[in-house]
Protein backbone atom coordinates (compact mmCIF):
# COMPACT_ATOMS: atom_id res chain seq x y z
CA UNK A 1 -15.68 17.74 21.52
CA UNK A 2 -14.53 20.17 18.85
CA UNK A 3 -15.35 17.65 16.02
CA UNK A 4 -19.01 17.47 17.08
CA UNK A 5 -19.13 21.32 17.31
CA UNK A 6 -17.45 22.19 13.98
CA UNK A 7 -18.20 18.96 12.14
CA UNK A 8 -18.18 20.76 8.62
CA UNK A 9 -14.92 22.67 9.41
CA UNK A 10 -13.51 19.21 10.52
CA UNK A 11 -14.57 17.45 7.33
CA UNK A 12 -12.92 20.11 5.15
CA UNK A 13 -9.64 20.07 6.76
CA UNK A 14 -9.72 16.36 6.74
CA UNK A 15 -10.26 16.50 2.98
CA UNK A 16 -7.60 19.19 2.59
CA UNK A 17 -5.06 16.88 4.35
CA UNK A 18 -6.12 13.71 2.08
CA UNK A 19 -6.26 15.56 -1.01
CA UNK A 20 -2.62 15.65 -2.05
CA UNK A 21 -2.00 11.92 -1.16
CA UNK A 22 -5.03 11.03 -3.25
CA UNK A 23 -3.99 13.03 -6.17
CA UNK A 24 -0.52 11.73 -6.06
CA UNK A 25 -1.80 8.04 -6.17
CA UNK A 26 -4.33 8.98 -8.93
CA UNK A 27 -1.53 10.27 -10.90
CA UNK A 28 0.66 7.32 -10.25
CA UNK A 29 -2.11 5.11 -11.64
CA UNK A 30 -2.69 7.00 -14.72
CA UNK A 31 1.08 7.03 -15.51
CA UNK A 32 1.09 3.29 -15.13
CA UNK A 33 -1.81 2.87 -17.26
CA UNK A 34 -0.17 4.80 -20.04
CA UNK A 35 2.78 2.51 -19.58
CA UNK A 36 0.81 -0.70 -19.82
CA UNK A 37 -1.69 0.39 -22.36
CA UNK A 38 0.56 1.59 -25.19
CA UNK A 39 0.06 1.73 -29.09
CA UNK A 40 0.73 -2.02 -29.19
CA UNK A 41 -1.89 -2.85 -26.71
CA UNK A 42 -4.45 -0.02 -27.45
CA UNK A 43 -7.53 -2.20 -27.95
CA UNK A 44 -7.19 -3.96 -24.47
CA UNK A 45 -10.62 -4.59 -22.60
CA UNK A 46 -11.46 -3.14 -19.39
CA UNK A 47 -11.13 -6.18 -17.36
CA UNK A 48 -7.77 -7.15 -18.95
CA UNK A 49 -6.25 -3.70 -18.49
CA UNK A 50 -7.21 -3.85 -14.70
CA UNK A 51 -5.84 -7.54 -14.54
CA UNK A 52 -2.42 -6.05 -15.99
CA UNK A 53 -2.48 -2.79 -13.84
CA UNK A 54 -3.00 -4.36 -10.31
CA UNK A 55 0.29 -6.35 -10.37
CA UNK A 56 2.02 -3.44 -12.18
CA UNK A 57 1.18 -1.08 -9.42
CA UNK A 58 1.32 -3.12 -6.55
CA UNK A 59 4.71 -4.89 -7.57
CA UNK A 60 5.99 -4.63 -3.89
CA UNK A 61 3.11 -7.00 -2.72
CA UNK A 62 3.57 -9.38 -5.68
CA UNK A 63 7.24 -9.77 -5.31
CA UNK A 64 6.60 -11.16 -1.88
CA UNK A 65 4.57 -14.17 -3.29
CA UNK A 66 6.42 -17.29 -3.75
CA UNK A 67 6.52 -19.06 -7.18
CA UNK A 68 5.99 -22.42 -5.75
CA UNK A 69 2.69 -21.03 -4.13
CA UNK A 70 1.57 -19.71 -7.62
CA UNK A 71 2.41 -23.18 -9.12
CA UNK A 72 0.35 -25.03 -6.33
CA UNK A 73 -2.44 -22.68 -6.83
CA UNK A 74 -2.87 -23.37 -10.58
CA UNK A 75 -2.24 -27.21 -10.15
CA UNK A 76 -5.21 -27.41 -7.62
CA UNK A 77 -7.34 -25.64 -9.94
CA UNK A 78 -10.31 -27.56 -11.58
CA UNK A 79 -10.04 -28.06 -15.27
CA UNK A 80 -12.41 -26.19 -17.67
CA UNK A 81 -14.17 -27.35 -20.56
């Protein structure tokens, strides 16, 4: 009931509570980007940078993937010309 009566105040409070979490995760991504994209790999394209950052940032998830599943996936892929 209060949410409908004070919808703008409710949205503002929601943003205030989410902001520190969002800011911390954005800072974490930029910190990771500085680690991945250094002077040696400075001319990295946007797609390649994204492909490198996702496994680096989400390493906990990627550690759960089994090696045999990755090998099986690549073996079942069609060959390209």
